[in-house]
Protein backbone atom coordinates (compact mmCIF):
# COMPACT_ATOMS: atom_id res chain seq x y z
CA MET A 1 -34.77 21.31 -94.27
CA SER A 2 -37.74 20.06 -92.26
CA ARG A 3 -37.12 18.44 -88.80
CA THR A 4 -39.07 15.41 -87.78
CA LYS A 5 -40.74 15.35 -84.46
CA ARG A 6 -39.31 12.93 -81.86
CA VAL A 7 -41.76 10.36 -80.54
CA ALA A 8 -41.12 8.25 -77.43
CA VAL A 9 -42.20 4.57 -78.00
CA MET A 10 -43.20 2.77 -74.82
CA SER A 11 -45.40 -0.17 -73.77
CA PRO A 12 -48.95 0.34 -72.49
CA GLN A 13 -47.77 -0.86 -69.15
CA THR A 14 -45.15 1.92 -69.00
CA ARG A 15 -47.80 4.50 -69.99
CA LEU A 16 -50.20 3.08 -67.25
CA ALA A 17 -47.28 3.30 -64.57
CA HIS A 18 -46.51 6.92 -65.61
CA ALA A 19 -50.20 7.88 -65.34
CA ARG A 20 -50.62 6.24 -61.99
CA GLY A 21 -47.62 8.20 -60.83
CA ARG A 22 -49.32 11.42 -61.66
CA ALA A 23 -52.57 10.51 -60.04
CA THR A 24 -53.61 12.65 -57.14
CA ARG A 25 -55.04 9.99 -54.99
CA ARG A 26 -53.20 6.93 -53.65
CA TRP A 27 -53.45 3.59 -55.36
CA ARG A 28 -54.49 0.99 -52.89
CA VAL A 29 -53.95 -2.76 -52.93
CA PRO A 30 -57.29 -4.45 -53.12
CA ARG A 31 -58.53 -6.16 -49.91
CA LEU A 32 -59.68 -9.81 -49.74
CA ASP A 33 -62.89 -10.89 -48.09
CA PRO A 34 -62.10 -12.24 -44.46
CA ALA A 35 -62.87 -15.84 -45.68
CA ASP A 36 -60.68 -15.61 -48.72
CA ALA A 37 -57.90 -14.01 -46.65
CA GLU A 38 -58.16 -16.87 -44.14
CA ARG A 39 -58.08 -19.37 -46.92
CA ALA A 40 -55.00 -17.54 -48.64
CA LEU A 41 -53.12 -17.50 -45.24
CA THR A 42 -53.92 -21.17 -44.70
CA LEU A 43 -52.58 -22.17 -48.13
CA TYR A 44 -49.52 -20.00 -47.58
CA ARG A 45 -48.64 -21.67 -44.38
CA ALA A 46 -49.27 -25.13 -45.70
CA GLN A 47 -47.27 -24.52 -48.88
CA ARG A 48 -44.30 -22.78 -47.03
CA GLY A 49 -42.87 -25.98 -45.64
CA PRO A 50 -42.79 -28.06 -48.85
CA GLY A 51 -41.55 -24.93 -50.70
CA LEU A 52 -38.58 -24.47 -48.40
CA LEU A 53 -37.90 -28.17 -48.80
CA ALA A 54 -37.80 -27.78 -52.60
CA LEU A 55 -35.49 -24.84 -52.15
CA ALA A 56 -33.13 -26.75 -49.89
CA LEU A 57 -33.06 -29.58 -52.37
CA LEU A 58 -32.14 -27.02 -55.20
CA PHE A 59 -29.31 -25.61 -53.10
CA GLY A 60 -28.09 -29.04 -52.15
CA LEU A 61 -27.91 -30.09 -55.70
CA LEU A 62 -25.98 -27.04 -56.75
CA LEU A 63 -23.68 -27.11 -53.79
CA ALA A 64 -23.09 -30.72 -54.14
CA LEU A 65 -21.46 -30.48 -57.54
CA PRO A 66 -18.35 -28.70 -56.36
CA LEU A 67 -18.10 -31.18 -53.57
CA LEU A 68 -18.42 -34.03 -55.96
CA PHE A 69 -15.76 -32.55 -58.12
CA ALA A 70 -13.52 -32.15 -55.04
CA LEU A 71 -14.04 -35.75 -53.88
CA TRP A 72 -13.50 -37.26 -57.40
CA PRO A 73 -11.01 -35.14 -59.34
CA GLU A 74 -10.65 -37.90 -61.94
CA LEU A 75 -13.90 -36.69 -63.43
CA ASP A 76 -11.91 -33.84 -64.93
CA GLY A 77 -9.70 -36.30 -66.74
CA LEU A 78 -12.66 -38.43 -67.93
CA ARG A 79 -13.93 -37.28 -71.39
CA LEU A 80 -17.12 -37.80 -73.30
CA LEU A 81 -17.04 -36.77 -76.93
CA GLY A 82 -13.82 -34.76 -76.15
CA ILE A 83 -15.51 -32.80 -73.24
CA PRO A 84 -14.57 -33.36 -69.53
CA VAL A 85 -17.40 -35.09 -67.62
CA SER A 86 -17.12 -32.56 -64.89
CA TRP A 87 -18.00 -29.80 -67.42
CA LEU A 88 -20.98 -31.86 -68.82
CA LEU A 89 -22.17 -32.47 -65.15
CA LEU A 90 -21.88 -28.71 -64.47
CA ALA A 91 -23.44 -27.38 -67.63
CA VAL A 92 -26.27 -30.07 -68.27
CA LEU A 93 -27.21 -31.72 -65.01
CA PRO A 94 -28.72 -28.77 -63.07
CA TYR A 95 -31.29 -27.60 -65.72
CA PRO A 96 -33.21 -30.86 -66.01
CA ALA A 97 -32.94 -31.29 -62.26
CA MET A 98 -34.40 -27.95 -61.62
CA VAL A 99 -37.29 -28.48 -64.10
CA LEU A 100 -38.02 -31.84 -62.48
CA LEU A 101 -37.89 -30.18 -59.00
CA ALA A 102 -40.18 -27.26 -60.01
CA ARG A 103 -42.60 -29.77 -61.51
CA TRP A 104 -42.69 -31.71 -58.31
CA GLN A 105 -43.09 -28.64 -56.22
CA LEU A 106 -45.84 -27.35 -58.52
CA ARG A 107 -47.86 -30.66 -58.26
CA ARG A 108 -47.50 -30.59 -54.53
CA ALA A 109 -48.66 -26.98 -54.30
CA GLU A 110 -51.59 -27.73 -56.60
CA ARG A 111 -52.39 -30.84 -54.35
CA ILE A 112 -52.60 -28.70 -51.26
CA GLU A 113 -54.84 -26.12 -53.07
CA ASP A 114 -57.28 -28.87 -54.05
CA ARG A 115 -57.78 -30.00 -50.59
C-alpha cells in the first residue's frame, strides 16, 4: 500500500506573507515624498468631515428605524403581500439607502480630490 504525500494548498498571498515572516530584515512601509505627503494629509483632512457626516447619516438611518417602529406600532399590523410593513422596512430599506449614501460620499470625495 503506497501512501500519498500531503500537500498544503494556499494562495500566493499566503506564501508571500509566510516568506515575509521568515525574512531576516524588517519590512518597511514606503515613505511618500514631502509634497505627496502634504497633499495626502490635506486630502485626508478635507475628506474627514464629509466622511463623518455620511457615517452619522448612516447611523441615523439605522437607529431611526426602531424609533419609527416604536412611534407607529400599527406598521406591524399593516401587511403588504402577507409580510408586515415593519419587516419590509427593516429588511429592504437600509440597503438601497446605504448604496445611495456610499455613492454620494464617493462623489463628494472624488470632487475634493479633483480640486
